[in-house]
């Protein structure tokens, strides 16, 4: 069995696009996933599958989950999946974690649906919104946000528009908690 974490974008925000976590767990179970754990209402789901960790598996799971949500709720939800090993690597390598004065509240991670093309990477790297900083490594954007995330220009919409991929962001506490929950033995 391989453990995965799916990150859903834009559910249960401001009373819109509501999905109860109990219903989400039930949906994942109906799709053949096992040992399902949800964390907070924003659509973080840890699950296991008998399929080995490959990009093809993650893409297949993403499509199945998106289709099931659309079929049941009638709205499109971006779904991004990482294996637990990928999350562990992310947590161990946040480039701003050791930045002078950095607190856990300053750190976020934007999950991208795929690795952006070089042309879009070159363009986005010309933007400077200091003191807020970003570094793109593969299909993840590591963020250092000086103030509050909702006041930063480094939003999901910014990355989606410039990189031409889907994106969703979680604060560093959530990313660490997802790793902790996914690593816990049953």
N, C-alpha and C. Protein backbone atom coordinates (compact mmCIF):
# COMPACT_ATOMS: atom_id res chain seq x y z
N UNK A 1 0.85 -1.18 0.00
CA UNK A 1 0.00 0.00 0.00
C UNK A 1 0.89 1.25 0.00
N UNK A 2 0.48 2.22 -0.78
CA UNK A 2 1.20 3.49 -0.84
C UNK A 2 0.28 4.58 -0.31
N UNK A 3 0.84 5.47 0.52
CA UNK A 3 0.06 6.58 1.07
C UNK A 3 0.23 7.81 0.21
N UNK A 4 -0.89 8.50 0.02
CA UNK A 4 -0.93 9.73 -0.75
C UNK A 4 -1.65 10.80 0.06
N UNK A 5 -1.43 12.04 -0.35
CA UNK A 5 -2.16 13.16 0.22
C UNK A 5 -2.74 13.95 -0.95
N UNK A 6 -4.04 14.15 -0.92
CA UNK A 6 -4.66 14.99 -1.95
C UNK A 6 -5.01 16.33 -1.31
N UNK A 7 -4.76 17.37 -2.08
CA UNK A 7 -5.01 18.74 -1.65
C UNK A 7 -6.07 19.29 -2.61
N UNK A 8 -7.24 19.62 -2.08
CA UNK A 8 -8.32 20.15 -2.90
C UNK A 8 -8.33 21.66 -2.77
N UNK A 9 -8.64 22.34 -3.85
CA UNK A 9 -8.65 23.80 -3.82
C UNK A 9 -10.07 24.34 -3.81
N UNK A 10 -10.28 25.28 -2.90
CA UNK A 10 -11.49 26.09 -2.94
C UNK A 10 -12.77 25.45 -2.45
N UNK A 11 -12.68 24.46 -1.57
CA UNK A 11 -13.92 23.94 -0.99
C UNK A 11 -14.08 24.52 0.41
N UNK A 12 -15.34 24.67 0.81
CA UNK A 12 -15.69 25.14 2.15
C UNK A 12 -15.06 26.50 2.49
N UNK A 13 -14.98 27.36 1.49
CA UNK A 13 -14.44 28.70 1.70
C UNK A 13 -15.60 29.68 1.63
N UNK A 14 -15.80 30.42 2.71
CA UNK A 14 -16.86 31.42 2.73
C UNK A 14 -18.25 30.84 2.51
N UNK A 15 -18.46 29.60 2.94
CA UNK A 15 -19.78 28.98 2.82
C UNK A 15 -20.11 28.50 1.41
N UNK A 16 -19.13 28.55 0.52
CA UNK A 16 -19.36 28.12 -0.86
C UNK A 16 -18.69 26.78 -1.12
N UNK A 17 -19.23 26.08 -2.12
CA UNK A 17 -18.66 24.79 -2.55
C UNK A 17 -18.42 23.87 -1.35
N UNK A 18 -19.49 23.69 -0.58
CA UNK A 18 -19.41 22.91 0.65
C UNK A 18 -19.36 21.42 0.38
N UNK A 19 -18.42 20.78 1.05
CA UNK A 19 -18.32 19.32 1.06
C UNK A 19 -17.98 18.92 2.49
N UNK A 20 -18.84 18.15 3.10
CA UNK A 20 -18.56 17.66 4.44
C UNK A 20 -17.41 16.65 4.38
N UNK A 21 -16.55 16.69 5.38
CA UNK A 21 -15.40 15.78 5.38
C UNK A 21 -15.85 14.32 5.48
N UNK A 22 -16.92 14.06 6.19
CA UNK A 22 -17.44 12.68 6.27
C UNK A 22 -17.88 12.21 4.89
N UNK A 23 -18.50 13.10 4.11
CA UNK A 23 -18.91 12.75 2.75
C UNK A 23 -17.70 12.55 1.85
N UNK A 24 -16.67 13.36 2.05
CA UNK A 24 -15.45 13.23 1.26
C UNK A 24 -14.77 11.89 1.55
N UNK A 25 -14.70 11.51 2.83
CA UNK A 25 -14.11 10.21 3.19
C UNK A 25 -14.89 9.07 2.53
N UNK A 26 -16.22 9.17 2.58
CA UNK A 26 -17.07 8.15 1.98
C UNK A 26 -16.84 8.07 0.47
N UNK A 27 -16.69 9.23 -0.17
CA UNK A 27 -16.44 9.26 -1.61
C UNK A 27 -15.12 8.58 -1.95
N UNK A 28 -14.08 8.90 -1.20
CA UNK A 28 -12.76 8.28 -1.44
C UNK A 28 -12.84 6.77 -1.27
N UNK A 29 -13.59 6.35 -0.25
CA UNK A 29 -13.74 4.91 -0.02
C UNK A 29 -14.45 4.26 -1.21
N UNK A 30 -15.46 4.94 -1.75
CA UNK A 30 -16.20 4.38 -2.90
C UNK A 30 -15.31 4.30 -4.15
N UNK A 31 -14.23 5.10 -4.18
CA UNK A 31 -13.30 5.06 -5.30
C UNK A 31 -12.22 3.99 -5.13
N UNK A 32 -12.30 3.26 -4.01
CA UNK A 32 -11.37 2.15 -3.79
C UNK A 32 -10.16 2.50 -2.93
N UNK A 33 -10.14 3.70 -2.38
CA UNK A 33 -9.04 4.08 -1.51
C UNK A 33 -9.30 3.58 -0.10
N UNK A 34 -8.23 3.44 0.68
CA UNK A 34 -8.34 2.88 2.03
C UNK A 34 -7.68 3.78 3.06
N UNK A 35 -7.97 3.52 4.33
CA UNK A 35 -7.36 4.23 5.47
C UNK A 35 -7.39 5.74 5.26
N UNK A 36 -8.57 6.27 5.04
CA UNK A 36 -8.77 7.67 4.68
C UNK A 36 -8.85 8.54 5.92
N UNK A 37 -8.06 9.62 5.91
CA UNK A 37 -8.05 10.60 7.00
C UNK A 37 -8.20 11.97 6.37
N UNK A 38 -9.13 12.77 6.90
CA UNK A 38 -9.23 14.16 6.45
C UNK A 38 -8.65 15.05 7.54
N UNK A 39 -8.13 16.18 7.11
CA UNK A 39 -7.57 17.15 8.07
C UNK A 39 -8.11 18.53 7.73
N UNK A 40 -8.74 19.13 8.67
CA UNK A 40 -9.47 20.40 8.59
C UNK A 40 -10.41 20.42 7.39
N UNK A 41 -11.22 21.45 7.32
CA UNK A 41 -12.32 21.49 6.35
C UNK A 41 -11.92 21.92 4.94
N UNK A 42 -10.64 22.22 4.72
CA UNK A 42 -10.24 22.79 3.43
C UNK A 42 -9.88 21.76 2.36
N UNK A 43 -10.10 20.49 2.65
CA UNK A 43 -9.90 19.48 1.62
C UNK A 43 -8.52 18.87 1.58
N UNK A 44 -8.02 18.46 2.71
CA UNK A 44 -6.76 17.73 2.80
C UNK A 44 -7.12 16.29 3.14
N UNK A 45 -6.76 15.37 2.26
CA UNK A 45 -7.16 13.98 2.46
C UNK A 45 -5.94 13.06 2.32
N UNK A 46 -5.70 12.28 3.35
CA UNK A 46 -4.66 11.26 3.34
C UNK A 46 -5.35 9.95 3.03
N UNK A 47 -4.78 9.18 2.10
CA UNK A 47 -5.40 7.91 1.74
C UNK A 47 -4.34 6.94 1.25
N UNK A 48 -4.72 5.68 1.20
CA UNK A 48 -3.81 4.64 0.71
C UNK A 48 -4.40 3.96 -0.51
N UNK A 49 -3.49 3.50 -1.35
CA UNK A 49 -3.89 2.75 -2.54
C UNK A 49 -2.91 1.61 -2.74
N UNK A 50 -3.41 0.57 -3.36
CA UNK A 50 -2.55 -0.56 -3.69
C UNK A 50 -1.64 -0.25 -4.88
N UNK A 51 -1.98 0.81 -5.64
CA UNK A 51 -1.16 1.18 -6.79
C UNK A 51 0.13 1.83 -6.31
N UNK A 52 1.21 1.50 -6.98
CA UNK A 52 2.52 2.06 -6.65
C UNK A 52 2.57 3.54 -7.00
N UNK A 53 3.47 4.25 -6.33
CA UNK A 53 3.61 5.68 -6.53
C UNK A 53 4.29 5.98 -7.88
N UNK A 54 3.49 6.45 -8.80
CA UNK A 54 4.01 6.93 -10.08
C UNK A 54 3.21 8.17 -10.45
N UNK A 55 3.72 8.96 -11.36
CA UNK A 55 2.97 10.13 -11.84
C UNK A 55 1.68 9.68 -12.51
N UNK A 56 1.72 8.53 -13.18
CA UNK A 56 0.51 8.02 -13.82
C UNK A 56 -0.55 7.70 -12.78
N UNK A 57 -0.15 7.06 -11.67
CA UNK A 57 -1.11 6.76 -10.60
C UNK A 57 -1.71 8.05 -10.05
N UNK A 58 -0.88 9.02 -9.74
CA UNK A 58 -1.37 10.29 -9.19
C UNK A 58 -2.32 10.97 -10.18
N UNK A 59 -1.98 10.96 -11.46
CA UNK A 59 -2.84 11.58 -12.47
C UNK A 59 -4.18 10.85 -12.58
N UNK A 60 -4.14 9.51 -12.50
CA UNK A 60 -5.37 8.72 -12.54
C UNK A 60 -6.24 9.03 -11.33
N UNK A 61 -5.62 9.09 -10.15
CA UNK A 61 -6.37 9.40 -8.92
C UNK A 61 -6.98 10.80 -9.01
N UNK A 62 -6.20 11.75 -9.48
CA UNK A 62 -6.68 13.13 -9.60
C UNK A 62 -7.94 13.17 -10.46
N UNK A 63 -7.88 12.52 -11.60
CA UNK A 63 -9.01 12.51 -12.52
C UNK A 63 -10.24 11.85 -11.87
N UNK A 64 -10.03 10.70 -11.21
CA UNK A 64 -11.14 9.99 -10.56
C UNK A 64 -11.80 10.87 -9.48
N UNK A 65 -10.99 11.52 -8.66
CA UNK A 65 -11.51 12.34 -7.57
C UNK A 65 -12.26 13.55 -8.12
N UNK A 66 -11.66 14.24 -9.10
CA UNK A 66 -12.32 15.40 -9.72
C UNK A 66 -13.67 15.02 -10.32
N UNK A 67 -13.69 13.91 -11.05
CA UNK A 67 -14.94 13.46 -11.68
C UNK A 67 -16.00 13.10 -10.64
N UNK A 68 -15.59 12.43 -9.57
CA UNK A 68 -16.55 12.04 -8.53
C UNK A 68 -17.13 13.28 -7.83
N UNK A 69 -16.29 14.28 -7.57
CA UNK A 69 -16.78 15.52 -6.94
C UNK A 69 -17.74 16.23 -7.88
N UNK A 70 -17.37 16.32 -9.14
CA UNK A 70 -18.25 17.01 -10.10
C UNK A 70 -19.59 16.28 -10.23
N UNK A 71 -19.53 14.96 -10.29
CA UNK A 71 -20.75 14.17 -10.44
C UNK A 71 -21.69 14.35 -9.24
N UNK A 72 -21.11 14.39 -8.04
CA UNK A 72 -21.94 14.48 -6.83
C UNK A 72 -22.36 15.92 -6.50
N UNK A 73 -21.45 16.88 -6.71
CA UNK A 73 -21.71 18.25 -6.25
C UNK A 73 -21.94 19.25 -7.38
N UNK A 74 -21.54 18.91 -8.60
CA UNK A 74 -21.80 19.80 -9.72
C UNK A 74 -20.83 20.96 -9.86
N UNK A 75 -19.70 20.89 -9.19
CA UNK A 75 -18.68 21.92 -9.39
C UNK A 75 -17.31 21.30 -9.54
N UNK A 76 -16.47 22.03 -10.27
CA UNK A 76 -15.12 21.56 -10.57
C UNK A 76 -14.18 21.96 -9.45
N UNK A 77 -13.44 21.01 -8.93
CA UNK A 77 -12.48 21.26 -7.85
C UNK A 77 -11.10 20.81 -8.30
N UNK A 78 -10.15 21.74 -8.36
CA UNK A 78 -8.78 21.32 -8.64
C UNK A 78 -8.28 20.39 -7.53
N UNK A 79 -7.66 19.29 -7.94
CA UNK A 79 -7.14 18.28 -7.01
C UNK A 79 -5.66 18.06 -7.34
N UNK A 80 -4.82 18.18 -6.32
CA UNK A 80 -3.39 17.95 -6.50
C UNK A 80 -2.98 16.86 -5.52
N UNK A 81 -2.21 15.89 -6.02
CA UNK A 81 -1.83 14.74 -5.21
C UNK A 81 -0.32 14.63 -5.10
N UNK A 82 0.13 14.33 -3.87
CA UNK A 82 1.54 14.05 -3.61
C UNK A 82 1.61 12.76 -2.79
N UNK A 83 2.66 12.00 -3.00
CA UNK A 83 2.89 10.84 -2.13
C UNK A 83 3.43 11.35 -0.80
N UNK A 84 3.34 10.51 0.21
CA UNK A 84 3.87 10.88 1.52
C UNK A 84 5.38 11.11 1.42
N UNK A 85 6.05 10.32 0.59
CA UNK A 85 7.50 10.50 0.40
C UNK A 85 7.79 11.88 -0.18
N UNK A 86 6.98 12.32 -1.12
CA UNK A 86 7.16 13.66 -1.68
C UNK A 86 6.95 14.74 -0.62
N UNK A 87 5.94 14.58 0.22
CA UNK A 87 5.68 15.56 1.29
C UNK A 87 6.84 15.57 2.27
N UNK A 88 7.37 14.40 2.60
CA UNK A 88 8.52 14.33 3.50
C UNK A 88 9.70 15.09 2.92
N UNK A 89 9.97 14.92 1.66
CA UNK A 89 11.06 15.63 0.98
C UNK A 89 10.82 17.15 0.99
N UNK A 90 9.58 17.55 0.76
CA UNK A 90 9.22 18.97 0.79
C UNK A 90 9.50 19.55 2.17
N UNK A 91 9.04 18.87 3.22
CA UNK A 91 9.21 19.37 4.59
C UNK A 91 10.69 19.48 4.95
N UNK A 92 11.48 18.55 4.49
CA UNK A 92 12.91 18.56 4.82
C UNK A 92 13.70 19.62 4.04
N UNK A 93 13.09 20.22 3.02
CA UNK A 93 13.87 21.08 2.13
C UNK A 93 13.26 22.45 1.85
N UNK A 94 12.48 23.01 2.78
CA UNK A 94 11.93 24.35 2.57
C UNK A 94 13.09 25.35 2.56
N UNK A 95 13.34 26.03 1.44
CA UNK A 95 14.51 26.90 1.34
C UNK A 95 14.49 28.13 2.25
N UNK A 96 13.32 28.50 2.77
CA UNK A 96 13.23 29.69 3.62
C UNK A 96 13.11 29.36 5.10
N UNK A 97 13.09 28.09 5.43
CA UNK A 97 12.89 27.68 6.83
C UNK A 97 14.02 28.21 7.73
N UNK A 98 15.22 28.28 7.19
CA UNK A 98 16.35 28.74 8.00
C UNK A 98 16.68 30.21 7.77
N UNK A 99 15.81 30.91 7.03
CA UNK A 99 16.00 32.33 6.78
C UNK A 99 15.96 33.08 8.10
N UNK A 100 16.86 34.02 8.27
CA UNK A 100 16.93 34.78 9.51
C UNK A 100 15.58 35.42 9.80
N UNK A 101 15.09 35.19 11.01
CA UNK A 101 13.82 35.76 11.44
C UNK A 101 12.59 35.00 10.99
N UNK A 102 12.77 33.93 10.23
CA UNK A 102 11.61 33.17 9.74
C UNK A 102 10.93 32.43 10.89
N UNK A 103 9.63 32.56 10.93
CA UNK A 103 8.79 31.83 11.88
C UNK A 103 7.89 30.91 11.06
N UNK A 104 7.34 29.90 11.70
CA UNK A 104 6.47 28.98 10.98
C UNK A 104 5.30 29.72 10.32
N UNK A 105 4.87 30.83 10.93
CA UNK A 105 3.77 31.62 10.40
C UNK A 105 4.13 32.30 9.08
N UNK A 106 5.42 32.45 8.78
CA UNK A 106 5.88 33.10 7.54
C UNK A 106 5.95 32.13 6.36
N UNK A 107 5.85 30.84 6.63
CA UNK A 107 6.11 29.85 5.59
C UNK A 107 4.82 29.22 5.06
N UNK A 108 4.77 29.07 3.75
CA UNK A 108 3.65 28.41 3.08
C UNK A 108 4.20 27.59 1.93
N UNK A 109 3.34 26.76 1.39
CA UNK A 109 3.70 25.97 0.22
C UNK A 109 2.54 26.02 -0.76
N UNK A 110 2.85 26.38 -1.99
CA UNK A 110 1.86 26.33 -3.06
C UNK A 110 2.14 25.07 -3.87
N UNK A 111 1.16 24.18 -3.89
CA UNK A 111 1.25 22.94 -4.66
C UNK A 111 0.82 23.25 -6.09
N UNK A 112 1.63 22.87 -7.05
CA UNK A 112 1.29 23.05 -8.46
C UNK A 112 0.84 21.71 -9.05
N UNK A 113 -0.06 21.76 -10.01
CA UNK A 113 -0.57 20.53 -10.61
C UNK A 113 0.46 19.84 -11.49
N UNK A 114 1.45 20.59 -11.94
CA UNK A 114 2.52 20.00 -12.76
C UNK A 114 3.72 20.93 -12.75
N UNK A 115 4.84 20.44 -13.24
CA UNK A 115 6.04 21.26 -13.35
C UNK A 115 5.81 22.26 -14.48
N UNK A 116 5.95 23.55 -14.20
CA UNK A 116 5.73 24.57 -15.23
C UNK A 116 6.78 24.51 -16.34
N UNK A 117 6.41 24.98 -17.52
CA UNK A 117 7.37 25.00 -18.62
C UNK A 117 8.41 26.10 -18.38
N UNK A 118 9.58 25.90 -18.94
CA UNK A 118 10.72 26.80 -18.72
C UNK A 118 10.40 28.25 -19.05
N UNK A 119 9.68 28.47 -20.14
CA UNK A 119 9.35 29.84 -20.56
C UNK A 119 8.56 30.57 -19.46
N UNK A 120 7.58 29.89 -18.87
CA UNK A 120 6.78 30.50 -17.80
C UNK A 120 7.59 30.69 -16.53
N UNK A 121 8.48 29.77 -16.24
CA UNK A 121 9.37 29.91 -15.08
C UNK A 121 10.26 31.14 -15.24
N UNK A 122 10.81 31.31 -16.42
CA UNK A 122 11.69 32.46 -16.67
C UNK A 122 10.93 33.77 -16.48
N UNK A 123 9.69 33.82 -16.95
CA UNK A 123 8.89 35.05 -16.81
C UNK A 123 8.56 35.35 -15.35
N UNK A 124 8.11 34.32 -14.63
CA UNK A 124 7.66 34.56 -13.25
C UNK A 124 8.83 34.96 -12.34
N UNK A 125 10.00 34.47 -12.67
CA UNK A 125 11.17 34.80 -11.84
C UNK A 125 11.63 36.24 -12.00
N UNK A 126 10.99 37.00 -12.89
CA UNK A 126 11.31 38.43 -13.02
C UNK A 126 10.51 39.27 -12.03
N UNK A 127 9.51 38.68 -11.38
CA UNK A 127 8.68 39.42 -10.44
C UNK A 127 9.35 39.46 -9.07
N UNK A 128 9.25 40.62 -8.43
CA UNK A 128 9.82 40.81 -7.10
C UNK A 128 8.78 41.49 -6.22
N UNK A 129 8.26 40.75 -5.26
CA UNK A 129 7.27 41.29 -4.33
C UNK A 129 7.85 41.32 -2.91
N UNK A 130 9.13 41.64 -2.82
CA UNK A 130 9.80 41.72 -1.52
C UNK A 130 9.00 42.63 -0.60
N UNK A 131 8.92 42.27 0.68
CA UNK A 131 9.73 41.27 1.38
C UNK A 131 9.22 39.83 1.23
N UNK A 132 8.06 39.65 0.53
CA UNK A 132 7.58 38.29 0.29
C UNK A 132 8.45 37.65 -0.79
N UNK A 133 8.79 36.38 -0.57
CA UNK A 133 9.70 35.68 -1.47
C UNK A 133 9.09 34.35 -1.90
N UNK A 134 9.49 33.89 -3.08
CA UNK A 134 9.09 32.56 -3.53
C UNK A 134 10.24 31.89 -4.25
N UNK A 135 10.24 30.57 -4.18
CA UNK A 135 11.20 29.75 -4.92
C UNK A 135 10.45 28.54 -5.44
N UNK A 136 10.53 28.34 -6.75
CA UNK A 136 9.85 27.21 -7.38
C UNK A 136 10.84 26.07 -7.54
N UNK A 137 10.47 24.93 -6.98
CA UNK A 137 11.27 23.71 -7.11
C UNK A 137 10.33 22.62 -7.62
N UNK A 138 10.55 22.23 -8.85
CA UNK A 138 9.72 21.25 -9.53
C UNK A 138 8.26 21.70 -9.56
N UNK A 139 7.35 20.96 -8.90
CA UNK A 139 5.94 21.34 -8.92
C UNK A 139 5.47 21.89 -7.56
N UNK A 140 6.39 22.59 -6.89
CA UNK A 140 6.08 23.22 -5.61
C UNK A 140 6.64 24.63 -5.59
N UNK A 141 5.89 25.53 -4.95
CA UNK A 141 6.36 26.90 -4.76
C UNK A 141 6.50 27.11 -3.26
N UNK A 142 7.73 27.31 -2.82
CA UNK A 142 8.00 27.58 -1.42
C UNK A 142 7.87 29.08 -1.20
N UNK A 143 7.12 29.45 -0.16
CA UNK A 143 6.84 30.86 0.09
C UNK A 143 7.37 31.32 1.44
N UNK A 144 7.87 32.54 1.46
CA UNK A 144 8.16 33.27 2.69
C UNK A 144 7.31 34.52 2.62
N UNK A 145 6.33 34.62 3.51
CA UNK A 145 5.40 35.74 3.52
C UNK A 145 5.65 36.55 4.79
N UNK A 146 6.07 37.78 4.61
CA UNK A 146 6.42 38.64 5.75
C UNK A 146 5.21 38.94 6.63
N UNK A 147 4.09 39.24 6.02
CA UNK A 147 2.88 39.57 6.78
C UNK A 147 1.89 38.43 6.77
N UNK A 148 0.66 38.75 6.41
CA UNK A 148 -0.39 37.75 6.33
C UNK A 148 -0.53 37.27 4.88
N UNK A 149 -0.75 35.98 4.71
CA UNK A 149 -0.83 35.41 3.37
C UNK A 149 -1.89 36.11 2.52
N UNK A 150 -3.06 36.37 3.10
CA UNK A 150 -4.14 36.96 2.31
C UNK A 150 -3.84 38.38 1.84
N UNK A 151 -2.77 38.99 2.37
CA UNK A 151 -2.37 40.33 1.95
C UNK A 151 -1.23 40.29 0.92
N UNK A 152 -0.68 39.12 0.67
CA UNK A 152 0.43 38.97 -0.25
C UNK A 152 -0.05 38.95 -1.70
N UNK A 153 0.80 39.35 -2.61
CA UNK A 153 0.52 39.24 -4.04
C UNK A 153 0.86 37.83 -4.56
N UNK A 154 1.51 37.02 -3.73
CA UNK A 154 1.91 35.67 -4.13
C UNK A 154 0.79 34.67 -3.83
N UNK A 155 -0.29 34.82 -4.58
CA UNK A 155 -1.51 34.03 -4.37
C UNK A 155 -1.59 32.86 -5.36
N UNK A 156 -2.57 32.01 -5.13
CA UNK A 156 -2.84 30.93 -6.08
C UNK A 156 -3.10 31.50 -7.47
N UNK A 157 -3.91 32.56 -7.54
CA UNK A 157 -4.24 33.16 -8.84
C UNK A 157 -3.00 33.70 -9.55
N UNK A 158 -2.08 34.31 -8.80
CA UNK A 158 -0.84 34.81 -9.39
C UNK A 158 -0.07 33.67 -10.04
N UNK A 159 0.15 32.59 -9.30
CA UNK A 159 0.92 31.47 -9.83
C UNK A 159 0.19 30.77 -10.98
N UNK A 160 -1.12 30.62 -10.87
CA UNK A 160 -1.87 29.99 -11.95
C UNK A 160 -1.80 30.80 -13.24
N UNK A 161 -1.96 32.10 -13.12
CA UNK A 161 -1.94 32.98 -14.29
C UNK A 161 -0.56 33.00 -14.95
N UNK A 162 0.47 33.11 -14.15
CA UNK A 162 1.83 33.24 -14.69
C UNK A 162 2.42 31.90 -15.15
N UNK A 163 2.08 30.81 -14.44
CA UNK A 163 2.68 29.52 -14.76
C UNK A 163 1.79 28.63 -15.63
N UNK A 164 0.51 29.01 -15.75
CA UNK A 164 -0.45 28.25 -16.57
C UNK A 164 -0.66 26.82 -16.06
N UNK A 165 -0.73 26.68 -14.73
CA UNK A 165 -1.01 25.41 -14.07
C UNK A 165 -1.96 25.68 -12.91
N UNK A 166 -2.64 24.66 -12.41
CA UNK A 166 -3.47 24.81 -11.22
C UNK A 166 -2.58 24.89 -10.00
N UNK A 167 -3.07 25.59 -8.97
CA UNK A 167 -2.29 25.75 -7.74
C UNK A 167 -3.21 25.83 -6.54
N UNK A 168 -2.72 25.39 -5.40
CA UNK A 168 -3.40 25.59 -4.14
C UNK A 168 -2.35 25.67 -3.04
N UNK A 169 -2.62 26.51 -2.06
CA UNK A 169 -1.62 26.82 -1.04
C UNK A 169 -2.07 26.35 0.34
N UNK A 170 -1.09 25.88 1.12
CA UNK A 170 -1.32 25.52 2.51
C UNK A 170 -0.22 26.18 3.35
N UNK A 171 -0.60 26.55 4.58
CA UNK A 171 0.43 27.11 5.46
C UNK A 171 1.33 25.97 5.94
N UNK A 172 2.47 26.35 6.47
CA UNK A 172 3.50 25.37 6.83
C UNK A 172 3.06 24.48 7.98
N UNK A 173 2.23 25.00 8.89
CA UNK A 173 1.71 24.16 9.97
C UNK A 173 0.87 23.02 9.39
N UNK A 174 0.05 23.33 8.41
CA UNK A 174 -0.79 22.31 7.78
C UNK A 174 0.05 21.27 7.06
N UNK A 175 1.05 21.71 6.30
CA UNK A 175 1.92 20.77 5.58
C UNK A 175 2.59 19.82 6.56
N UNK A 176 3.11 20.36 7.65
CA UNK A 176 3.76 19.52 8.67
C UNK A 176 2.77 18.57 9.33
N UNK A 177 1.56 19.04 9.59
CA UNK A 177 0.54 18.19 10.22
C UNK A 177 0.14 17.05 9.28
N UNK A 178 0.04 17.35 7.99
CA UNK A 178 -0.29 16.29 7.03
C UNK A 178 0.78 15.22 7.01
N UNK A 179 2.03 15.64 7.09
CA UNK A 179 3.12 14.65 7.15
C UNK A 179 3.03 13.84 8.43
N UNK A 180 2.79 14.51 9.54
CA UNK A 180 2.67 13.82 10.83
C UNK A 180 1.53 12.79 10.80
N UNK A 181 0.37 13.21 10.33
CA UNK A 181 -0.78 12.30 10.28
C UNK A 181 -0.56 11.12 9.33
N UNK A 182 0.12 11.40 8.22
CA UNK A 182 0.34 10.34 7.24
C UNK A 182 1.44 9.37 7.66
N UNK A 183 2.28 9.81 8.58
CA UNK A 183 3.38 8.96 9.04
C UNK A 183 3.03 8.14 10.26
N UNK A 184 1.90 8.48 10.89
CA UNK A 184 1.48 7.79 12.11
C UNK A 184 1.10 6.35 11.78
N UNK A 185 1.53 5.45 12.63
CA UNK A 185 1.18 4.03 12.45
C UNK A 185 -0.22 3.80 13.00
N UNK A 186 -0.95 2.96 12.35
CA UNK A 186 -2.32 2.64 12.79
C UNK A 186 -2.29 1.55 13.83
